[in-house]
Amino acid sequence: MLNTNIFLTRPEKPNDFTKISGDGIVPCIWELEIINHERISWINNILKNETNPKFKNYLKDVINTIYV
């Protein structure tokens, strides 16, 4: 079992952290694949395009995985 805590901070108050995770239990292994897809899409569409982020491409990017 993995356990994690997620905190949020804002640029105007970088030392003011708010815990936004629940009890610290992370998603199951199947949900992690979806989270990883979103992470990769964010990197490819936003972070790698610093001067011209592709928000529409990010929002249109979907995962369609079939397991047999």
PDB file of N, CA and C in Angstrom:
ATOM      1  N   MET A   1       0.854  -1.181   0.000  1.00  0.00           N
ATOM      2  CA  MET A   1       0.000   0.000   0.000  1.00  0.00           C
ATOM      3  C   MET A   1       0.886   1.226   0.000  1.00  0.00           C
ATOM      4  N   LEU A   2       0.613   2.128  -0.908  1.00  0.00           N
ATOM      5  CA  LEU A   2       1.321   3.400  -0.947  1.00  0.00           C
ATOM      6  C   LEU A   2       0.577   4.415  -0.094  1.00  0.00           C
ATOM      7  N   ASN A   3       1.301   5.337   0.445  1.00  0.00           N
ATOM      8  CA  ASN A   3       0.690   6.381   1.248  1.00  0.00           C
ATOM      9  C   ASN A   3       1.347   7.695   0.864  1.00  0.00           C
ATOM     10  N   THR A   4       0.538   8.711   0.629  1.00  0.00           N
ATOM     11  CA  THR A   4       1.079  10.005   0.231  1.00  0.00           C
ATOM     12  C   THR A   4       0.212  11.131   0.763  1.00  0.00           C
ATOM     13  N   ASN A   5       0.793  12.293   0.842  1.00  0.00           N
ATOM     14  CA  ASN A   5       0.058  13.498   1.201  1.00  0.00           C
ATOM     15  C   ASN A   5       0.337  14.538   0.131  1.00  0.00           C
ATOM     16  N   ILE A   6      -0.691  15.253  -0.279  1.00  0.00           N
ATOM     17  CA  ILE A   6      -0.559  16.257  -1.330  1.00  0.00           C
ATOM     18  C   ILE A   6      -0.849  17.622  -0.716  1.00  0.00           C
ATOM     19  N   PHE A   7       0.051  18.563  -0.997  1.00  0.00           N
ATOM     20  CA  PHE A   7      -0.081  19.918  -0.473  1.00  0.00           C
ATOM     21  C   PHE A   7      -0.156  20.908  -1.624  1.00  0.00           C
ATOM     22  N   LEU A   8      -0.848  22.002  -1.399  1.00  0.00           N
ATOM     23  CA  LEU A   8      -1.009  23.072  -2.381  1.00  0.00           C
ATOM     24  C   LEU A   8      -0.448  24.357  -1.805  1.00  0.00           C
ATOM     25  N   THR A   9       0.246  25.115  -2.643  1.00  0.00           N
ATOM     26  CA  THR A   9       0.719  26.435  -2.268  1.00  0.00           C
ATOM     27  C   THR A   9       0.489  27.376  -3.440  1.00  0.00           C
ATOM     28  N   ARG A  10       0.441  28.640  -3.185  1.00  0.00           N
ATOM     29  CA  ARG A  10       0.192  29.644  -4.230  1.00  0.00           C
ATOM     30  C   ARG A  10       1.443  30.516  -4.391  1.00  0.00           C
ATOM     31  N   PRO A  11       1.676  31.003  -5.618  1.00  0.00           N
ATOM     32  CA  PRO A  11       2.878  31.825  -5.850  1.00  0.00           C
ATOM     33  C   PRO A  11       2.983  33.030  -4.916  1.00  0.00           C
ATOM     34  N   GLU A  12       1.845  33.632  -4.575  1.00  0.00           N
ATOM     35  CA  GLU A  12       1.890  34.812  -3.714  1.00  0.00           C
ATOM     36  C   GLU A  12       2.203  34.477  -2.253  1.00  0.00           C
ATOM     37  N   LYS A  13       2.020  33.221  -1.857  1.00  0.00           N
ATOM     38  CA  LYS A  13       2.349  32.768  -0.498  1.00  0.00           C
ATOM     39  C   LYS A  13       3.052  31.413  -0.577  1.00  0.00           C
ATOM     40  N   PRO A  14       4.290  31.391  -1.081  1.00  0.00           N
ATOM     41  CA  PRO A  14       4.962  30.114  -1.339  1.00  0.00           C
ATOM     42  C   PRO A  14       5.267  29.268  -0.097  1.00  0.00           C
ATOM     43  N   ASN A  15       5.211  29.855   1.076  1.00  0.00           N
ATOM     44  CA  ASN A  15       5.477  29.096   2.297  1.00  0.00           C
ATOM     45  C   ASN A  15       4.213  28.700   3.047  1.00  0.00           C
ATOM     46  N   ASP A  16       3.058  28.964   2.461  1.00  0.00           N
ATOM     47  CA  ASP A  16       1.770  28.655   3.081  1.00  0.00           C
ATOM     48  C   ASP A  16       1.182  27.418   2.406  1.00  0.00           C
ATOM     49  N   PHE A  17       1.417  26.249   3.002  1.00  0.00           N
ATOM     50  CA  PHE A  17       0.968  24.984   2.430  1.00  0.00           C
ATOM     51  C   PHE A  17      -0.362  24.548   3.041  1.00  0.00           C
ATOM     52  N   THR A  18      -1.250  24.065   2.183  1.00  0.00           N
ATOM     53  CA  THR A  18      -2.532  23.518   2.612  1.00  0.00           C
ATOM     54  C   THR A  18      -2.610  22.063   2.171  1.00  0.00           C
ATOM     55  N   LYS A  19      -2.885  21.172   3.088  1.00  0.00           N
ATOM     56  CA  LYS A  19      -3.025  19.759   2.729  1.00  0.00           C
ATOM     57  C   LYS A  19      -4.342  19.579   1.985  1.00  0.00           C
ATOM     58  N   ILE A  20      -4.268  19.022   0.772  1.00  0.00           N
ATOM     59  CA  ILE A  20      -5.484  18.837  -0.028  1.00  0.00           C
ATOM     60  C   ILE A  20      -5.834  17.362  -0.224  1.00  0.00           C
ATOM     61  N   SER A  21      -4.949  16.469   0.223  1.00  0.00           N
ATOM     62  CA  SER A  21      -5.272  15.050   0.107  1.00  0.00           C
ATOM     63  C   SER A  21      -6.135  14.635   1.286  1.00  0.00           C
ATOM     64  N   GLY A  22      -6.806  13.541   1.110  1.00  0.00           N
ATOM     65  CA  GLY A  22      -7.667  13.041   2.177  1.00  0.00           C
ATOM     66  C   GLY A  22      -6.871  12.349   3.255  1.00  0.00           C
ATOM     67  N   ASP A  23      -7.032  11.045   3.348  1.00  0.00           N
ATOM     68  CA  ASP A  23      -6.400  10.276   4.411  1.00  0.00           C
ATOM     69  C   ASP A  23      -4.981   9.816   4.072  1.00  0.00           C
ATOM     70  N   GLY A  24      -4.476  10.223   2.905  1.00  0.00           N
ATOM     71  CA  GLY A  24      -3.120   9.856   2.535  1.00  0.00           C
ATOM     72  C   GLY A  24      -3.016   8.605   1.695  1.00  0.00           C
ATOM     73  N   ILE A  25      -4.116   7.878   1.530  1.00  0.00           N
ATOM     74  CA  ILE A  25      -4.086   6.666   0.709  1.00  0.00           C
ATOM     75  C   ILE A  25      -4.167   7.079  -0.755  1.00  0.00           C
ATOM     76  N   VAL A  26      -3.263   6.561  -1.556  1.00  0.00           N
ATOM     77  CA  VAL A  26      -3.218   6.927  -2.975  1.00  0.00           C
ATOM     78  C   VAL A  26      -4.163   6.042  -3.787  1.00  0.00           C
ATOM     79  N   PRO A  27      -4.401   6.430  -5.026  1.00  0.00           N
ATOM     80  CA  PRO A  27      -5.279   5.635  -5.900  1.00  0.00           C
ATOM     81  C   PRO A  27      -4.720   4.230  -6.129  1.00  0.00           C
ATOM     82  N   CYS A  28      -5.584   3.348  -6.596  1.00  0.00           N
ATOM     83  CA  CYS A  28      -5.152   1.983  -6.897  1.00  0.00           C
ATOM     84  C   CYS A  28      -4.299   1.981  -8.161  1.00  0.00           C
ATOM     85  N   ILE A  29      -3.673   0.868  -8.443  1.00  0.00           N
ATOM     86  CA  ILE A  29      -2.751   0.744  -9.571  1.00  0.00           C
ATOM     87  C   ILE A  29      -3.422   1.069 -10.897  1.00  0.00           C
ATOM     88  N   TRP A  30      -4.687   0.768 -11.050  1.00  0.00           N
ATOM     89  CA  TRP A  30      -5.397   1.041 -12.311  1.00  0.00           C
ATOM     90  C   TRP A  30      -5.627   2.542 -12.483  1.00  0.00           C
ATOM     91  N   GLU A  31      -5.912   3.231 -11.405  1.00  0.00           N
ATOM     92  CA  GLU A  31      -6.107   4.683 -11.472  1.00  0.00           C
ATOM     93  C   GLU A  31      -4.789   5.409 -11.726  1.00  0.00           C
ATOM     94  N   LEU A  32      -3.691   4.840 -11.290  1.00  0.00           N
ATOM     95  CA  LEU A  32      -2.390   5.468 -11.496  1.00  0.00           C
ATOM     96  C   LEU A  32      -2.047   5.587 -12.976  1.00  0.00           C
ATOM     97  N   GLU A  33      -2.515   4.650 -13.799  1.00  0.00           N
ATOM     98  CA  GLU A  33      -2.270   4.738 -15.243  1.00  0.00           C
ATOM     99  C   GLU A  33      -2.939   5.975 -15.834  1.00  0.00           C
ATOM    100  N   ILE A  34      -4.132   6.276 -15.381  1.00  0.00           N
ATOM    101  CA  ILE A  34      -4.851   7.465 -15.862  1.00  0.00           C
ATOM    102  C   ILE A  34      -4.143   8.730 -15.390  1.00  0.00           C
ATOM    103  N   ILE A  35      -3.717   8.738 -14.153  1.00  0.00           N
ATOM    104  CA  ILE A  35      -2.990   9.892 -13.616  1.00  0.00           C
ATOM    105  C   ILE A  35      -1.687  10.092 -14.385  1.00  0.00           C
ATOM    106  N   ASN A  36      -0.996   9.007 -14.703  1.00  0.00           N
ATOM    107  CA  ASN A  36       0.248   9.109 -15.461  1.00  0.00           C
ATOM    108  C   ASN A  36      -0.008   9.645 -16.869  1.00  0.00           C
ATOM    109  N   HIS A  37      -1.099   9.220 -17.488  1.00  0.00           N
ATOM    110  CA  HIS A  37      -1.450   9.753 -18.814  1.00  0.00           C
ATOM    111  C   HIS A  37      -1.625  11.267 -18.750  1.00  0.00           C
ATOM    112  N   GLU A  38      -2.323  11.744 -17.743  1.00  0.00           N
ATOM    113  CA  GLU A  38      -2.531  13.187 -17.597  1.00  0.00           C
ATOM    114  C   GLU A  38      -1.205  13.902 -17.349  1.00  0.00           C
ATOM    115  N   ARG A  39      -0.355  13.307 -16.545  1.00  0.00           N
ATOM    116  CA  ARG A  39       0.965  13.886 -16.271  1.00  0.00           C
ATOM    117  C   ARG A  39       1.778  14.022 -17.552  1.00  0.00           C
ATOM    118  N   ILE A  40       1.834  12.967 -18.352  1.00  0.00           N
ATOM    119  CA  ILE A  40       2.583  12.990 -19.605  1.00  0.00           C
ATOM    120  C   ILE A  40       1.994  14.014 -20.566  1.00  0.00           C
ATOM    121  N   SER A  41       0.676  14.094 -20.640  1.00  0.00           N
ATOM    122  CA  SER A  41       0.022  15.071 -21.505  1.00  0.00           C
ATOM    123  C   SER A  41       0.351  16.492 -21.066  1.00  0.00           C
ATOM    124  N   TRP A  42       0.358  16.750 -19.772  1.00  0.00           N
ATOM    125  CA  TRP A  42       0.705  18.079 -19.246  1.00  0.00           C
ATOM    126  C   TRP A  42       2.142  18.442 -19.617  1.00  0.00           C
ATOM    127  N   ILE A  43       3.038  17.494 -19.450  1.00  0.00           N
ATOM    128  CA  ILE A  43       4.440  17.748 -19.805  1.00  0.00           C
ATOM    129  C   ILE A  43       4.569  18.064 -21.292  1.00  0.00           C
ATOM    130  N   ASN A  44       3.968  17.226 -22.135  1.00  0.00           N
ATOM    131  CA  ASN A  44       4.106  17.394 -23.586  1.00  0.00           C
ATOM    132  C   ASN A  44       3.418  18.635 -24.125  1.00  0.00           C
ATOM    133  N   ASN A  45       2.251  18.941 -23.624  1.00  0.00           N
ATOM    134  CA  ASN A  45       1.464  20.045 -24.184  1.00  0.00           C
ATOM    135  C   ASN A  45       1.721  21.391 -23.525  1.00  0.00           C
ATOM    136  N   ILE A  46       2.093  21.391 -22.259  1.00  0.00           N
ATOM    137  CA  ILE A  46       2.242  22.649 -21.534  1.00  0.00           C
ATOM    138  C   ILE A  46       3.713  22.931 -21.209  1.00  0.00           C
ATOM    139  N   LEU A  47       4.331  22.065 -20.449  1.00  0.00           N
ATOM    140  CA  LEU A  47       5.683  22.347 -19.979  1.00  0.00           C
ATOM    141  C   LEU A  47       6.714  22.405 -21.105  1.00  0.00           C
ATOM    142  N   LYS A  48       6.571  21.579 -22.115  1.00  0.00           N
ATOM    143  CA  LYS A  48       7.522  21.589 -23.227  1.00  0.00           C
ATOM    144  C   LYS A  48       7.241  22.707 -24.227  1.00  0.00           C
ATOM    145  N   ASN A  49       6.157  23.432 -24.037  1.00  0.00           N
ATOM    146  CA  ASN A  49       5.785  24.544 -24.916  1.00  0.00           C
ATOM    147  C   ASN A  49       5.636  25.806 -24.087  1.00  0.00           C
ATOM    148  N   GLU A  50       6.704  26.149 -23.410  1.00  0.00           N
ATOM    149  CA  GLU A  50       6.680  27.260 -22.452  1.00  0.00           C
ATOM    150  C   GLU A  50       6.170  28.567 -23.064  1.00  0.00           C
ATOM    151  N   THR A  51       6.581  28.874 -24.274  1.00  0.00           N
ATOM    152  CA  THR A  51       6.181  30.145 -24.888  1.00  0.00           C
ATOM    153  C   THR A  51       4.806  30.084 -25.531  1.00  0.00           C
ATOM    154  N   ASN A  52       4.344  28.882 -25.870  1.00  0.00           N
ATOM    155  CA  ASN A  52       3.035  28.738 -26.500  1.00  0.00           C
ATOM    156  C   ASN A  52       2.360  27.452 -26.015  1.00  0.00           C
ATOM    157  N   PRO A  53       1.941  27.407 -24.744  1.00  0.00           N
ATOM    158  CA  PRO A  53       1.332  26.187 -24.210  1.00  0.00           C
ATOM    159  C   PRO A  53       0.067  25.819 -24.979  1.00  0.00           C
ATOM    160  N   LYS A  54      -0.111  24.543 -25.173  1.00  0.00           N
ATOM    161  CA  LYS A  54      -1.223  24.025 -25.968  1.00  0.00           C
ATOM    162  C   LYS A  54      -2.320  23.480 -25.050  1.00  0.00           C
ATOM    163  N   PHE A  55      -3.034  24.407 -24.406  1.00  0.00           N
ATOM    164  CA  PHE A  55      -4.073  24.014 -23.447  1.00  0.00           C
ATOM    165  C   PHE A  55      -5.206  23.254 -24.110  1.00  0.00           C
ATOM    166  N   LYS A  56      -5.588  23.646 -25.321  1.00  0.00           N
ATOM    167  CA  LYS A  56      -6.676  22.933 -26.021  1.00  0.00           C
ATOM    168  C   LYS A  56      -6.279  21.491 -26.318  1.00  0.00           C
ATOM    169  N   ASN A  57      -5.029  21.290 -26.722  1.00  0.00           N
ATOM    170  CA  ASN A  57      -4.563  19.923 -26.973  1.00  0.00           C
ATOM    171  C   ASN A  57      -4.571  19.103 -25.695  1.00  0.00           C
ATOM    172  N   TYR A  58      -4.149  19.737 -24.604  1.00  0.00           N
ATOM    173  CA  TYR A  58      -4.150  19.048 -23.313  1.00  0.00           C
ATOM    174  C   TYR A  58      -5.571  18.625 -22.928  1.00  0.00           C
ATOM    175  N   LEU A  59      -6.523  19.525 -23.085  1.00  0.00           N
ATOM    176  CA  LEU A  59      -7.899  19.216 -22.693  1.00  0.00           C
ATOM    177  C   LEU A  59      -8.545  18.175 -23.608  1.00  0.00           C
ATOM    178  N   LYS A  60      -8.065  18.068 -24.835  1.00  0.00           N
ATOM    179  CA  LYS A  60      -8.622  17.089 -25.783  1.00  0.00           C
ATOM    180  C   LYS A  60      -7.937  15.723 -25.674  1.00  0.00           C
ATOM    181  N   ASP A  61      -6.805  15.667 -25.005  1.00  0.00           N
ATOM    182  CA  ASP A  61      -6.044  14.424 -24.906  1.00  0.00           C
ATOM    183  C   ASP A  61      -6.764  13.449 -23.976  1.00  0.00           C
ATOM    184  N   VAL A  62      -7.103  12.300 -24.494  1.00  0.00           N
ATOM    185  CA  VAL A  62      -7.820  11.298 -23.702  1.00  0.00           C
ATOM    186  C   VAL A  62      -7.050   9.985 -23.710  1.00  0.00           C
ATOM    187  N   ILE A  63      -7.358   9.154 -22.751  1.00  0.00           N
ATOM    188  CA  ILE A  63      -6.772   7.817 -22.687  1.00  0.00           C
ATOM    189  C   ILE A  63      -7.875   6.820 -23.030  1.00  0.00           C
ATOM    190  N   ASN A  64      -7.536   5.868 -23.879  1.00  0.00           N
ATOM    191  CA  ASN A  64      -8.484   4.831 -24.268  1.00  0.00           C
ATOM    192  C   ASN A  64      -7.718   3.509 -24.225  1.00  0.00           C
ATOM    193  N   THR A  65      -7.802   2.839 -23.116  1.00  0.00           N
ATOM    194  CA  THR A  65      -7.045   1.613 -22.911  1.00  0.00           C
ATOM    195  C   THR A  65      -7.996   0.448 -22.723  1.00  0.00           C
ATOM    196  N   ILE A  66      -7.759  -0.606 -23.484  1.00  0.00           N
ATOM    197  CA  ILE A  66      -8.578  -1.819 -23.376  1.00  0.00           C
ATOM    198  C   ILE A  66      -7.652  -2.949 -22.949  1.00  0.00           C
ATOM    199  N   TYR A  67      -8.029  -3.658 -21.916  1.00  0.00           N
ATOM    200  CA  TYR A  67      -7.263  -4.793 -21.440  1.00  0.00           C
ATOM    201  C   TYR A  67      -8.019  -6.054 -21.775  1.00  0.00           C
ATOM    202  N   VAL A  68      -7.295  -7.007 -22.286  1.00  0.00           N
ATOM    203  CA  VAL A  68      -7.913  -8.293 -22.648  1.00  0.00           C
ATOM    204  C   VAL A  68      -7.410  -9.374 -21.725  1.00  0.00           C
TER     205      VAL A  68
END
